[in-house]
Structures are given as C-alpha cells and as structure tokens.
Amino acid sequence: MKLKLSKQNKPQFYHGIIIEPAIPDFFTGRIWTRTNTPFPQAKIDNYILHNYFTTKPGITKKSNTIFFQRPHYTCNRCKNENQQEFIHYQCSRCEKECVYCRHCINMGRVTSCTDLITWNGPKPLNHKKHVLDWSGTYTEAQNEAANQIKSSIKLKRSHLAVAVCGAGKTEMLFPGVLHALNKGLRVCIATPRTDVVLELFPRFQKVFPKTTLHALYGNSPKQSGFPQLILATTHQLFRFENAFDVIIVDEADAFPYTFDEALQKAVHKVKKQNAPITLVTATPSPKILNRTKKENWGSSFIPKRYHNHPLPVPIYKPLWSYDKAIQKEKIPRKLIDWTKTKLLNNEPFLIFFPTIHLMELATPLFQQLNESILSVHAEDVERKEKVIRLRNEEIPGLLTTTILERGITIKNVQVAVVGAESKIFTSSALIQISGRVGRNANYPNGDIVFFHHGITAEMDEARNEILRLNKEGFGKE
C-alpha cells in the first residue's frame, strides 16, 4: 500500500505504522546524521527498524590496497577526500579512536561511528498546479535566452547562461523553472553566497505564489512542507543526495565554489541520474567554458543589460599609502571627498575593503562623517538586516568586504573599491563589484571607482572586459 497524503495532510497507515507527513516532507532527498535530526530519536529509530530509512557510515575507509598504502578516508556526506581534513580523536561515544571530517564540521560532526540516513519510504505526492505571477517583459535577447534555458531543461541537456551583471538573469530562469515544476520535477537553485539566496528567495516567493519553496543557508529558519523548489547555498547541498531533477547553479564562478572540489562534487551528488545542470554567471572561468564546450552543453549569451544602457566603466584613482593613513586614523582626502559627495547628493554607496581588519579600522573614521554609516562582513550576524536598511534608505552607505560583490541590488548605488590592487580583488571580483552600479532602469549610470596603490593586470583585465562587453552590446566603447 502506497502512502497518500490527503488534502487535510492526515497520515495513513503503511506497513502497519503511521507515517507522519513531516517525516517524508523533511527527509525526501536529504542525507542526515542519524542522531541529530529535528525529530525525536526514538521515532527515527523506529522508522529505521521498519526499513523506512537506509543507513550508511558517515566516513568510509580504504586501506592496504594497491593505490592506498595508508588508510584513505571518504566523507559520505560532503564527499571530501582530502586526507588532511580527517582528524583522529578519542571518541566518547564508541570509546575508540574515531575519525571526523573537518571539511563539513559546520553542519555537525560526521565521524566514522556516525550513521547517515536517507529516506527509503514513500515520497510526498505533488498535485499542485504551479503558476508564474510575473508581469515583466523580456527584451529580445532575454526572451531568446529564457527559451534556450527552458529548451535545455526539456531535453535534459546541461546549459551555460552567460549574461552581464544586471542583464536580468534571474527572470530568464522563470519559464524553465515553471515548466519543470508543472512536470512534477524537483528543482534546486544553488549559489555559493548566502547573500544571493537572501536576494533571490523573496523574488521567487512572489512570482511562484502557489509553490512550496525553501531557502537554505547557515542558520536559516525552520520551514515546513515539502519544497518542490529549493534555493540554497552550495554548502547546503552536502545535506542532499539524489534529490533533484533540475539543478541550477547561479554565480557559478564565485568563491568558494570554484576553488572547492567538494562543492562541485556536491552538485553532482544531489542531482538524479541524467538530470541537467544549468550554470548561470556573468564571468565564466576558462574551466567552465572548456567543460561546456567539451560536453556539448546548450548555451546563451547576453552582452548588455535589460534597460539597454552600457555597463558603467571603472575609473582609476590613485590612493597612495591608504592603509597607513587609515592605521593613523585618517581617511585619505580623495576618499573623503568622494564619500562627502555621495552624502550630499543622498546617493547610497558601497565601499569595498580588501580586509576585515582595515575595514574595521576605517568604520569609526567614516562614522565621523555620518554616524549612520555601517560596516558588514561574512561573519556579521546582522548582515542581512544591514543590507535591507541600505536598500530601504535608512542608512547612507555600507563599508564591506567582497562578501557583497554579487547578489545585491540597490537602487542608484555608487561604488568605490579601496585597495583595488589587492590580490583579493581578482578581475572576476572587480567585474562583479562594478556590476552593482547602474542596475536600475531609472538610474542606469553611476560611479565605480578603483582607488589603488598601483594599477594591476587584474584591474586592467576587468576594465577591458567591461569595455569589450559594451562594444559587443552597443558597437562602441
């Protein structure tokens, strides 16, 4: 007898025990540690006893083979195989020497004596008719790209969508996602950055009003129901396995996804067999371009923004020994003048810094210009609220690290990069930072200034790429 969930969401008997809808709603497609679930342990153990869950060890070990003279560990949650990230310790639970995976420790410890569980019972049924409630219109280029993405999803073909910052990449996903949902397929939109999830979630909630969708990121709130559409950071994919019929990776070139093999493996771990992958980015890496060409992916390219205005081009301004000046509790004159102009014109601004330390030294100095200026970085527990305050014009500006280089849209925002020559500001990062400016059709222009202590090849590469895209999109520089 198959489990069916009634309209009242009441559980029915299956093989003699009651299946609570919340169990398959939560666990379908997930891989979870047995002893750390949101449900009572006795309840989980009872389901395991009746074979509703499949179990496997958290970490497996190979030893004394032709290939591995020493024990070789694999984490079965995050698929990490970097042996330096497996730590030996004396386990108080099994009272033996255990190994745990340091790579995914932020999601709870997975050890060699930990069981991982996956749901083996009946899956939630989906009878919803999904609708797209969006009144916007596409440009000709957007419409073509949207149809190409939808076509690739229909054909189960992977796809690369390249579009300049502010081209309306999110909106181009809507038709393909709607098609997948109404075919009963489960969709995941993953991105390396929490800020992108926070930006996308309310937009998808609004345009897919009849769809159950969840946003998953570090410390995200508890959400109920079976989500047919999930927006998640790529780290959250460690907690899924063979779960999705369609997976879309937004900002596929962003750190840490491009540098962490385990995150890339996670994308393949969570998709079902033959499920297509769609990569969306403004700055595809050579590795991504080579792979898509080699594997004959579908592709889309949009060289200009939806409002048909060119990309703002960065301006170089020298700011000699800016770090020493800030350490001496002084803001360099050029940076003061730039900031005062934005304050006088009531223009919101973002000022990017190469390090948290330098930004924190600078924050009280900027607050002497305006006490409402705030700063934000990756570990800031209030970062979501601070971005909202800037968007709502409650504060004049934010000092930030590269954490806000993408996935944030602020009307009429002006941008400065302090220390643009620093290694953290790669050409890709600088293009994305520049892409924060001029995104709104009513404010298509704006300042993007690279304050520097010497011009670098990365700065030139970013500027030249923006000029190239403008030339390609408009036939001029």
Protein backbone atom coordinates (compact mmCIF):
# COMPACT_ATOMS: atom_id res chain seq x y z
CA MET A 1 0.00 0.00 0.00
CA LYS A 2 1.43 3.38 -1.02
CA LEU A 3 1.30 6.33 1.28
CA LYS A 4 -1.05 9.07 0.17
CA LEU A 5 -1.30 12.41 1.91
CA SER A 6 -4.87 13.69 1.95
CA LYS A 7 -5.86 17.30 1.43
CA GLN A 8 -6.09 17.58 5.20
CA ASN A 9 -2.49 16.31 5.31
CA LYS A 10 -3.52 13.43 7.59
CA PRO A 11 -1.17 10.45 7.90
CA GLN A 12 -2.32 7.00 6.82
CA PHE A 13 -1.05 3.56 7.76
CA TYR A 14 1.74 1.99 5.76
CA HIS A 15 3.07 -1.49 6.60
CA GLY A 16 1.48 -1.24 9.99
CA ILE A 17 2.98 2.03 11.22
CA ILE A 18 1.85 5.61 10.85
CA ILE A 19 3.85 7.81 8.53
CA GLU A 20 3.81 11.40 9.69
CA PRO A 21 3.81 13.72 6.65
CA ALA A 22 6.51 15.87 8.25
CA ILE A 23 8.97 12.94 8.04
CA PRO A 24 8.95 12.39 4.25
CA ASP A 25 8.49 16.14 3.71
CA PHE A 26 11.77 16.77 5.50
CA PHE A 27 13.88 13.75 4.61
CA THR A 28 12.99 13.10 0.96
CA GLY A 29 16.23 13.69 -0.95
CA ARG A 30 18.25 14.51 2.16
CA ILE A 31 21.17 12.73 3.78
CA TRP A 32 21.31 13.37 7.51
CA THR A 33 23.14 12.26 10.63
CA ARG A 34 21.06 9.69 12.48
CA THR A 35 21.49 11.21 15.92
CA ASN A 36 20.95 14.86 15.02
CA THR A 37 17.57 15.27 13.33
CA PRO A 38 14.70 17.68 14.09
CA PHE A 39 12.64 14.69 15.29
CA PRO A 40 12.72 12.54 18.47
CA GLN A 41 15.45 9.89 18.29
CA ALA A 42 13.09 7.07 19.26
CA LYS A 43 10.82 7.94 16.35
CA ILE A 44 13.70 7.91 13.87
CA ASP A 45 14.98 4.59 15.24
CA ASN A 46 11.53 3.07 14.80
CA TYR A 47 11.42 4.12 11.15
CA ILE A 48 14.90 2.69 10.65
CA LEU A 49 13.80 -0.57 12.24
CA HIS A 50 10.98 -0.82 9.68
CA ASN A 51 13.33 -0.01 6.75
CA TYR A 52 11.95 3.43 6.01
CA PHE A 53 15.49 4.76 6.17
CA THR A 54 18.66 3.46 4.56
CA THR A 55 21.77 3.86 6.70
CA LYS A 56 25.44 4.05 5.84
CA PRO A 57 28.57 5.04 7.74
CA GLY A 58 29.47 8.71 7.87
CA ILE A 59 33.04 8.00 6.86
CA THR A 60 34.35 5.00 4.95
CA LYS A 61 37.93 3.80 4.98
CA LYS A 62 40.00 2.01 2.37
CA SER A 63 43.33 0.58 3.44
CA ASN A 64 46.21 -1.58 2.26
CA THR A 65 45.23 -1.56 -1.41
CA ILE A 66 47.43 -1.16 -4.44
CA PHE A 67 46.52 2.51 -4.62
CA PHE A 68 46.43 3.42 -0.94
CA GLN A 69 49.26 2.23 1.30
CA ARG A 70 47.76 4.18 4.18
CA PRO A 71 44.11 4.34 5.19
CA HIS A 72 42.16 6.52 2.77
CA TYR A 73 39.02 8.18 4.12
CA THR A 74 35.95 9.47 2.31
CA CYS A 75 33.19 11.53 3.92
CA ASN A 76 29.88 10.19 2.68
CA ARG A 77 28.09 13.47 3.34
CA CYS A 78 30.31 16.02 1.60
CA LYS A 79 32.38 13.53 -0.47
CA ASN A 80 35.58 15.11 0.82
CA GLU A 81 38.71 13.01 0.18
CA ASN A 82 41.36 15.47 1.33
CA GLN A 83 43.16 13.30 3.90
CA GLN A 84 44.47 16.34 5.77
CA GLU A 85 40.88 17.21 6.71
CA PHE A 86 40.21 13.92 8.52
CA ILE A 87 41.03 14.27 12.21
CA HIS A 88 41.68 11.37 14.60
CA TYR A 89 40.32 11.69 18.12
CA GLN A 90 39.26 9.57 21.09
CA CYS A 91 35.51 9.17 20.77
CA SER A 92 33.49 9.25 24.00
CA ARG A 93 30.51 7.57 22.34
CA CYS A 94 32.11 4.40 20.98
CA GLU A 95 35.13 4.64 23.30
CA LYS A 96 37.51 4.01 20.39
CA GLU A 97 39.72 6.12 18.20
CA CYS A 98 37.46 7.74 15.61
CA VAL A 99 37.92 9.99 12.61
CA TYR A 100 35.80 13.02 11.80
CA CYS A 101 35.58 15.18 8.68
CA ARG A 102 36.68 18.74 9.28
CA HIS A 103 35.50 19.90 5.86
CA CYS A 104 31.79 19.86 6.73
CA ILE A 105 32.13 20.27 10.52
CA ASN A 106 29.96 23.42 10.45
CA MET A 107 26.97 21.20 9.67
CA GLY A 108 27.54 18.94 12.64
CA ARG A 109 30.25 16.38 13.15
CA VAL A 110 30.33 13.35 10.86
CA THR A 111 32.52 10.56 12.22
CA SER A 112 33.50 7.00 11.39
CA CYS A 113 30.99 5.80 14.00
CA THR A 114 28.19 8.10 12.76
CA ASP A 115 25.30 6.69 10.73
CA LEU A 116 23.95 8.76 7.87
CA ILE A 117 20.32 8.17 6.95
CA THR A 118 18.35 8.65 3.74
CA TRP A 119 14.57 8.31 3.38
CA ASN A 120 13.60 5.00 1.82
CA GLY A 121 9.83 5.26 2.25
CA PRO A 122 7.07 6.69 0.10
CA LYS A 123 7.63 10.16 -1.27
CA PRO A 124 5.26 13.11 -0.86
CA LEU A 125 2.84 13.43 -3.76
CA ASN A 126 2.67 16.65 -5.74
CA HIS A 127 -0.63 17.57 -7.36
CA LYS A 128 -0.13 21.33 -7.40
CA LYS A 129 -0.65 23.44 -10.48
CA HIS A 130 2.18 25.92 -10.35
CA VAL A 131 1.75 29.41 -11.74
CA LEU A 132 4.12 32.20 -12.67
CA ASP A 133 2.83 35.54 -11.42
CA TRP A 134 5.19 37.93 -13.18
CA SER A 135 4.10 40.97 -15.15
CA GLY A 136 7.50 41.90 -16.52
CA THR A 137 8.53 41.79 -20.16
CA TYR A 138 11.65 40.44 -21.80
CA THR A 139 13.99 42.12 -24.21
CA GLU A 140 14.56 40.16 -27.40
CA ALA A 141 17.86 38.82 -26.03
CA GLN A 142 16.31 37.85 -22.68
CA ASN A 143 13.44 36.06 -24.40
CA GLU A 144 15.82 34.07 -26.56
CA ALA A 145 17.95 33.08 -23.56
CA ALA A 146 14.88 32.15 -21.47
CA ASN A 147 13.62 29.89 -24.28
CA GLN A 148 17.07 28.32 -24.69
CA ILE A 149 17.28 27.52 -20.96
CA LYS A 150 13.76 26.08 -20.98
CA SER A 151 14.56 24.00 -24.07
CA SER A 152 17.68 22.56 -22.42
CA ILE A 153 15.66 21.61 -19.32
CA LYS A 154 13.09 19.88 -21.56
CA LEU A 155 15.85 17.97 -23.36
CA LYS A 156 17.65 17.13 -20.09
CA ARG A 157 20.69 18.87 -21.51
CA SER A 158 23.08 20.89 -19.38
CA HIS A 159 23.30 24.59 -20.18
CA LEU A 160 25.58 27.59 -19.66
CA ALA A 161 23.93 31.00 -19.47
CA VAL A 162 26.36 33.93 -19.60
CA ALA A 163 24.94 37.40 -19.13
CA VAL A 164 26.44 40.66 -17.94
CA CYS A 165 25.69 41.86 -14.42
CA GLY A 166 22.21 43.40 -14.41
CA ALA A 167 21.02 41.63 -17.56
CA GLY A 168 18.09 40.04 -15.72
CA LYS A 169 19.50 36.52 -15.33
CA THR A 170 17.03 35.61 -12.57
CA GLU A 171 13.99 36.47 -14.69
CA MET A 172 15.34 34.35 -17.54
CA LEU A 173 15.10 31.28 -15.31
CA PHE A 174 11.36 31.66 -14.67
CA PRO A 175 9.96 29.81 -17.76
CA GLY A 176 12.30 26.84 -17.36
CA VAL A 177 11.58 26.53 -13.64
CA LEU A 178 7.82 26.76 -14.24
CA HIS A 179 7.97 24.04 -16.89
CA ALA A 180 9.94 21.74 -14.57
CA LEU A 181 7.60 22.30 -11.62
CA ASN A 182 4.48 21.57 -13.67
CA LYS A 183 6.09 18.36 -14.91
CA GLY A 184 6.36 17.29 -11.27
CA LEU A 185 10.13 17.77 -11.22
CA ARG A 186 12.04 18.94 -8.19
CA VAL A 187 14.25 21.98 -8.75
CA CYS A 188 17.21 23.36 -6.83
CA ILE A 189 18.76 26.77 -7.42
CA ALA A 190 22.12 26.78 -5.65
CA THR A 191 24.62 29.60 -5.23
CA PRO A 192 27.90 29.94 -3.33
CA ARG A 193 26.80 33.06 -1.43
CA THR A 194 24.21 33.41 1.34
CA ASP A 195 23.50 36.98 0.22
CA VAL A 196 22.39 35.72 -3.20
CA VAL A 197 19.94 33.28 -1.56
CA LEU A 198 18.57 36.11 0.58
CA GLU A 199 18.20 38.27 -2.53
CA LEU A 200 16.53 35.59 -4.68
CA PHE A 201 14.17 33.99 -2.14
CA PRO A 202 11.58 36.80 -1.85
CA ARG A 203 11.64 37.26 -5.61
CA PHE A 204 10.83 33.60 -6.26
CA GLN A 205 8.24 33.59 -3.46
CA LYS A 206 6.46 36.47 -5.16
CA VAL A 207 6.42 35.06 -8.69
CA PHE A 208 5.66 31.42 -7.71
CA PRO A 209 2.88 32.06 -5.16
CA LYS A 210 1.45 28.51 -5.26
CA THR A 211 4.78 26.72 -4.92
CA THR A 212 6.26 25.47 -1.65
CA LEU A 213 9.84 26.69 -1.68
CA HIS A 214 12.51 26.77 0.99
CA ALA A 215 15.61 28.92 1.44
CA LEU A 216 18.52 27.01 2.97
CA TYR A 217 21.67 28.67 4.29
CA GLY A 218 23.63 28.76 7.54
CA ASN A 219 21.21 29.26 10.45
CA SER A 220 18.21 29.56 8.14
CA PRO A 221 14.86 29.34 9.97
CA LYS A 222 12.85 26.12 10.17
CA GLN A 223 10.49 25.74 7.21
CA SER A 224 7.59 23.32 6.83
CA GLY A 225 6.07 21.34 3.98
CA PHE A 226 7.67 19.51 1.08
CA PRO A 227 9.62 22.01 -1.03
CA GLN A 228 9.49 21.26 -4.73
CA LEU A 229 11.71 24.31 -5.28
CA ILE A 230 14.74 24.92 -3.07
CA LEU A 231 17.09 27.90 -3.04
CA ALA A 232 20.28 27.02 -1.19
CA THR A 233 23.92 27.83 -0.73
CA THR A 234 26.17 25.24 -2.35
CA HIS A 235 27.34 24.20 1.13
CA GLN A 236 23.77 23.10 1.96
CA LEU A 237 23.98 20.59 -0.91
CA PHE A 238 26.13 18.43 1.36
CA ARG A 239 22.85 17.53 3.08
CA PHE A 240 21.17 16.19 -0.08
CA GLU A 241 21.67 13.14 -2.27
CA ASN A 242 19.96 12.04 -5.50
CA ALA A 243 17.31 14.67 -4.79
CA PHE A 244 16.77 16.97 -7.78
CA ASP A 245 15.57 16.59 -11.35
CA VAL A 246 16.89 20.03 -12.30
CA ILE A 247 19.75 21.90 -10.68
CA ILE A 248 20.73 25.48 -11.45
CA VAL A 249 23.95 26.98 -10.10
CA ASP A 250 23.75 30.76 -10.01
CA GLU A 251 27.01 32.75 -9.77
CA ALA A 252 28.84 29.56 -10.75
CA ASP A 253 32.20 31.36 -10.83
CA ALA A 254 32.02 32.64 -7.24
CA PHE A 255 34.31 31.74 -4.36
CA PRO A 256 34.36 29.23 -2.73
CA TYR A 257 32.56 27.07 -5.33
CA THR A 258 35.26 27.40 -7.98
CA PHE A 259 38.03 26.54 -5.50
CA ASP A 260 36.37 23.74 -3.54
CA GLU A 261 36.14 20.39 -5.31
CA ALA A 262 33.79 19.04 -2.65
CA LEU A 263 31.23 21.74 -3.52
CA GLN A 264 31.47 20.84 -7.20
CA LYS A 265 31.08 17.15 -6.35
CA ALA A 266 28.05 18.07 -4.22
CA VAL A 267 26.24 19.43 -7.29
CA HIS A 268 26.61 16.05 -8.98
CA LYS A 269 25.74 14.17 -5.79
CA VAL A 270 22.39 15.92 -5.36
CA LYS A 271 21.14 15.56 -8.91
CA LYS A 272 19.32 12.49 -10.11
CA GLN A 273 20.76 10.40 -12.92
CA ASN A 274 20.59 12.27 -16.26
CA ALA A 275 19.35 15.44 -14.53
CA PRO A 276 20.64 18.55 -16.33
CA ILE A 277 22.81 21.25 -14.73
CA THR A 278 22.38 24.90 -15.68
CA LEU A 279 25.24 27.25 -14.81
CA VAL A 280 24.48 30.98 -14.69
CA THR A 281 27.23 33.56 -14.48
CA ALA A 282 28.48 36.91 -15.72
CA THR A 283 32.13 35.88 -15.56
CA PRO A 284 32.64 32.24 -16.63
CA SER A 285 36.05 30.79 -15.85
CA PRO A 286 38.14 29.09 -18.57
CA LYS A 287 37.44 25.78 -16.79
CA ILE A 288 33.67 26.29 -17.11
CA LEU A 289 33.95 27.34 -20.76
CA ASN A 290 36.15 24.35 -21.64
CA ARG A 291 33.83 21.91 -19.91
CA THR A 292 30.67 23.19 -21.55
CA LYS A 293 32.31 23.09 -24.97
CA LYS A 294 33.75 19.60 -24.44
CA GLU A 295 30.44 18.17 -23.21
CA ASN A 296 28.37 20.00 -25.85
CA TRP A 297 26.15 21.94 -23.46
CA GLY A 298 23.46 24.35 -24.58
CA SER A 299 24.46 28.00 -24.25
CA SER A 300 23.10 31.54 -24.04
CA PHE A 301 24.89 34.87 -24.09
CA ILE A 302 23.60 38.38 -23.35
CA PRO A 303 26.19 41.18 -23.64
CA LYS A 304 24.01 44.06 -22.41
CA ARG A 305 21.58 44.94 -19.63
CA TYR A 306 17.80 44.71 -19.85
CA HIS A 307 17.41 48.51 -19.78
CA ASN A 308 19.64 48.86 -22.85
CA HIS A 309 22.27 51.08 -21.23
CA PRO A 310 26.00 50.24 -21.23
CA LEU A 311 27.84 48.94 -18.21
CA PRO A 312 29.45 51.68 -16.08
CA VAL A 313 33.19 51.68 -16.72
CA PRO A 314 35.56 51.81 -13.71
CA ILE A 315 37.63 54.93 -13.11
CA TYR A 316 41.14 54.62 -11.64
CA LYS A 317 42.16 56.97 -8.84
CA PRO A 318 45.49 56.62 -7.00
CA LEU A 319 45.27 56.46 -3.23
CA TRP A 320 48.86 56.17 -2.13
CA SER A 321 49.55 54.52 1.24
CA TYR A 322 45.85 54.41 2.09
CA ASP A 323 46.42 51.60 4.59
CA LYS A 324 49.00 53.57 6.55
CA ALA A 325 46.72 56.61 6.60
CA ILE A 326 43.80 54.60 7.95
CA GLN A 327 46.03 52.99 10.58
CA LYS A 328 46.93 56.53 11.66
CA GLU A 329 43.19 57.24 11.95
CA LYS A 330 42.95 59.36 8.82
CA ILE A 331 40.85 58.85 5.70
CA PRO A 332 42.76 59.87 2.56
CA ARG A 333 41.47 63.15 1.14
CA LYS A 334 40.26 61.72 -2.20
CA LEU A 335 38.19 59.10 -0.39
CA ILE A 336 36.74 61.71 1.99
CA ASP A 337 35.75 63.92 -0.95
CA TRP A 338 34.11 61.02 -2.80
CA THR A 339 32.13 59.99 0.29
CA LYS A 340 31.05 63.53 1.15
CA THR A 341 29.75 64.00 -2.40
CA LYS A 342 27.58 60.88 -2.11
CA LEU A 343 26.29 62.01 1.28
CA LEU A 344 25.50 65.47 -0.07
CA ASN A 345 23.65 64.01 -3.09
CA ASN A 346 21.78 61.45 -0.93
CA GLU A 347 23.20 58.64 -3.07
CA PRO A 348 23.56 55.25 -1.35
CA PHE A 349 27.06 53.81 -1.54
CA LEU A 350 29.16 50.71 -1.01
CA ILE A 351 32.86 50.98 -0.21
CA PHE A 352 34.77 47.72 -0.59
CA PHE A 353 37.87 46.97 1.50
CA PRO A 354 40.46 44.23 0.96
CA THR A 355 40.43 43.02 4.59
CA ILE A 356 38.07 42.99 7.55
CA HIS A 357 40.81 44.49 9.74
CA LEU A 358 41.27 47.56 7.53
CA MET A 359 37.51 47.99 7.20
CA GLU A 360 37.02 47.86 10.97
CA LEU A 361 39.76 50.48 11.46
CA ALA A 362 38.06 52.69 8.88
CA THR A 363 34.49 52.35 10.19
CA PRO A 364 34.70 54.82 13.12
CA LEU A 365 36.51 57.29 10.84
CA PHE A 366 33.66 57.22 8.32
CA GLN A 367 31.15 57.49 11.14
CA GLN A 368 32.68 60.88 11.91
CA LEU A 369 31.34 61.94 8.50
CA ASN A 370 27.95 60.36 9.19
CA GLU A 371 27.23 58.26 12.27
CA SER A 372 24.76 56.08 10.35
CA ILE A 373 27.43 54.59 8.06
CA LEU A 374 27.84 50.90 8.95
CA SER A 375 30.15 48.05 8.03
CA VAL A 376 29.46 44.41 7.18
CA HIS A 377 31.40 41.20 6.59
CA ALA A 378 30.76 37.47 6.20
CA GLU A 379 30.56 36.66 9.92
CA ASP A 380 28.35 39.63 10.78
CA VAL A 381 25.12 38.23 12.26
CA GLU A 382 23.29 41.42 11.24
CA ARG A 383 24.49 41.49 7.64
CA LYS A 384 21.04 40.69 6.19
CA GLU A 385 19.42 43.49 8.22
CA LYS A 386 22.14 45.99 7.29
CA VAL A 387 21.70 45.37 3.57
CA ILE A 388 17.93 45.79 3.96
CA ARG A 389 18.49 49.09 5.79
CA LEU A 390 20.65 50.34 2.92
CA ARG A 391 18.04 49.24 0.38
CA ASN A 392 15.31 50.99 2.38
CA GLU A 393 17.41 54.19 2.51
CA GLU A 394 17.63 54.03 6.32
CA ILE A 395 21.41 54.34 6.22
CA PRO A 396 23.54 56.26 3.70
CA GLY A 397 26.16 53.61 2.98
CA LEU A 398 27.96 50.42 3.90
CA LEU A 399 31.62 49.56 4.20
CA THR A 400 32.06 45.95 3.12
CA THR A 401 34.38 43.15 2.12
CA THR A 402 33.97 41.12 -1.07
CA ILE A 403 31.01 39.37 0.58
CA LEU A 404 28.72 41.86 -1.21
CA GLU A 405 30.47 41.67 -4.58
CA ARG A 406 27.41 39.93 -6.06
CA GLY A 407 23.80 39.05 -5.34
CA ILE A 408 22.83 42.50 -4.14
CA THR A 409 20.79 45.12 -5.97
CA ILE A 410 20.49 48.64 -4.52
CA LYS A 411 18.76 51.38 -6.49
CA ASN A 412 21.18 54.14 -7.57
CA VAL A 413 24.08 52.69 -5.55
CA GLN A 414 27.54 54.23 -6.01
CA VAL A 415 30.60 52.04 -5.50
CA ALA A 416 34.22 52.56 -4.51
CA VAL A 417 36.93 49.93 -4.11
CA VAL A 418 39.68 50.80 -1.65
CA GLY A 419 42.91 48.95 -2.43
CA ALA A 420 41.78 47.64 -5.82
CA GLU A 421 45.33 46.39 -6.38
CA SER A 422 44.99 43.84 -3.56
CA LYS A 423 45.08 40.14 -4.51
CA ILE A 424 41.58 39.55 -3.14
CA PHE A 425 40.23 41.75 -5.94
CA THR A 426 40.56 39.44 -8.93
CA SER A 427 39.33 40.57 -12.33
CA SER A 428 36.17 38.50 -11.81
CA ALA A 429 35.53 40.10 -8.41
CA LEU A 430 36.10 43.59 -9.80
CA ILE A 431 33.69 42.95 -12.68
CA GLN A 432 31.05 41.75 -10.23
CA ILE A 433 31.62 44.72 -7.92
CA SER A 434 31.32 47.08 -10.89
CA GLY A 435 28.11 45.27 -11.79
CA ARG A 436 26.39 46.61 -8.66
CA VAL A 437 26.23 50.05 -10.32
CA GLY A 438 23.55 51.19 -12.78
CA ARG A 439 21.28 48.16 -12.49
CA ASN A 440 18.05 50.15 -12.17
CA ALA A 441 16.44 51.46 -15.36
CA ASN A 442 15.81 54.84 -13.66
CA TYR A 443 19.47 55.05 -12.57
CA PRO A 444 21.46 53.33 -15.35
CA ASN A 445 24.67 55.23 -14.62
CA GLY A 446 26.79 55.77 -11.53
CA ASP A 447 30.25 55.82 -10.03
CA ILE A 448 32.53 52.81 -9.90
CA VAL A 449 35.96 53.97 -8.70
CA PHE A 450 39.04 51.80 -8.20
CA PHE A 451 41.12 53.57 -5.54
CA HIS A 452 44.54 51.96 -5.74
CA HIS A 453 48.18 51.93 -4.72
CA GLY A 454 49.34 50.94 -8.20
CA ILE A 455 47.41 49.58 -11.19
CA THR A 456 47.41 45.78 -11.58
CA ALA A 457 46.82 43.42 -14.51
CA GLU A 458 43.61 42.25 -12.78
CA MET A 459 42.28 45.81 -12.71
CA ASP A 460 43.07 46.29 -16.39
CA GLU A 461 41.57 42.94 -17.28
CA ALA A 462 38.32 43.81 -15.50
CA ARG A 463 38.07 47.24 -17.14
CA ASN A 464 38.94 45.89 -20.59
CA GLU A 465 36.32 43.14 -20.29
CA ILE A 466 33.65 45.71 -19.41
CA LEU A 467 34.71 47.82 -22.40
CA ARG A 468 34.62 44.71 -24.62
CA LEU A 469 31.10 43.81 -23.50
CA ASN A 470 29.93 47.38 -24.13
CA LYS A 471 31.46 47.25 -27.59
CA GLU A 472 29.82 43.91 -28.32
CA GLY A 473 26.45 45.04 -26.98
CA PHE A 474 26.41 48.53 -28.48
CA GLY A 475 29.07 48.53 -31.18
CA LYS A 476 31.12 51.14 -29.35
CA GLU A 477 33.29 51.67 -26.28
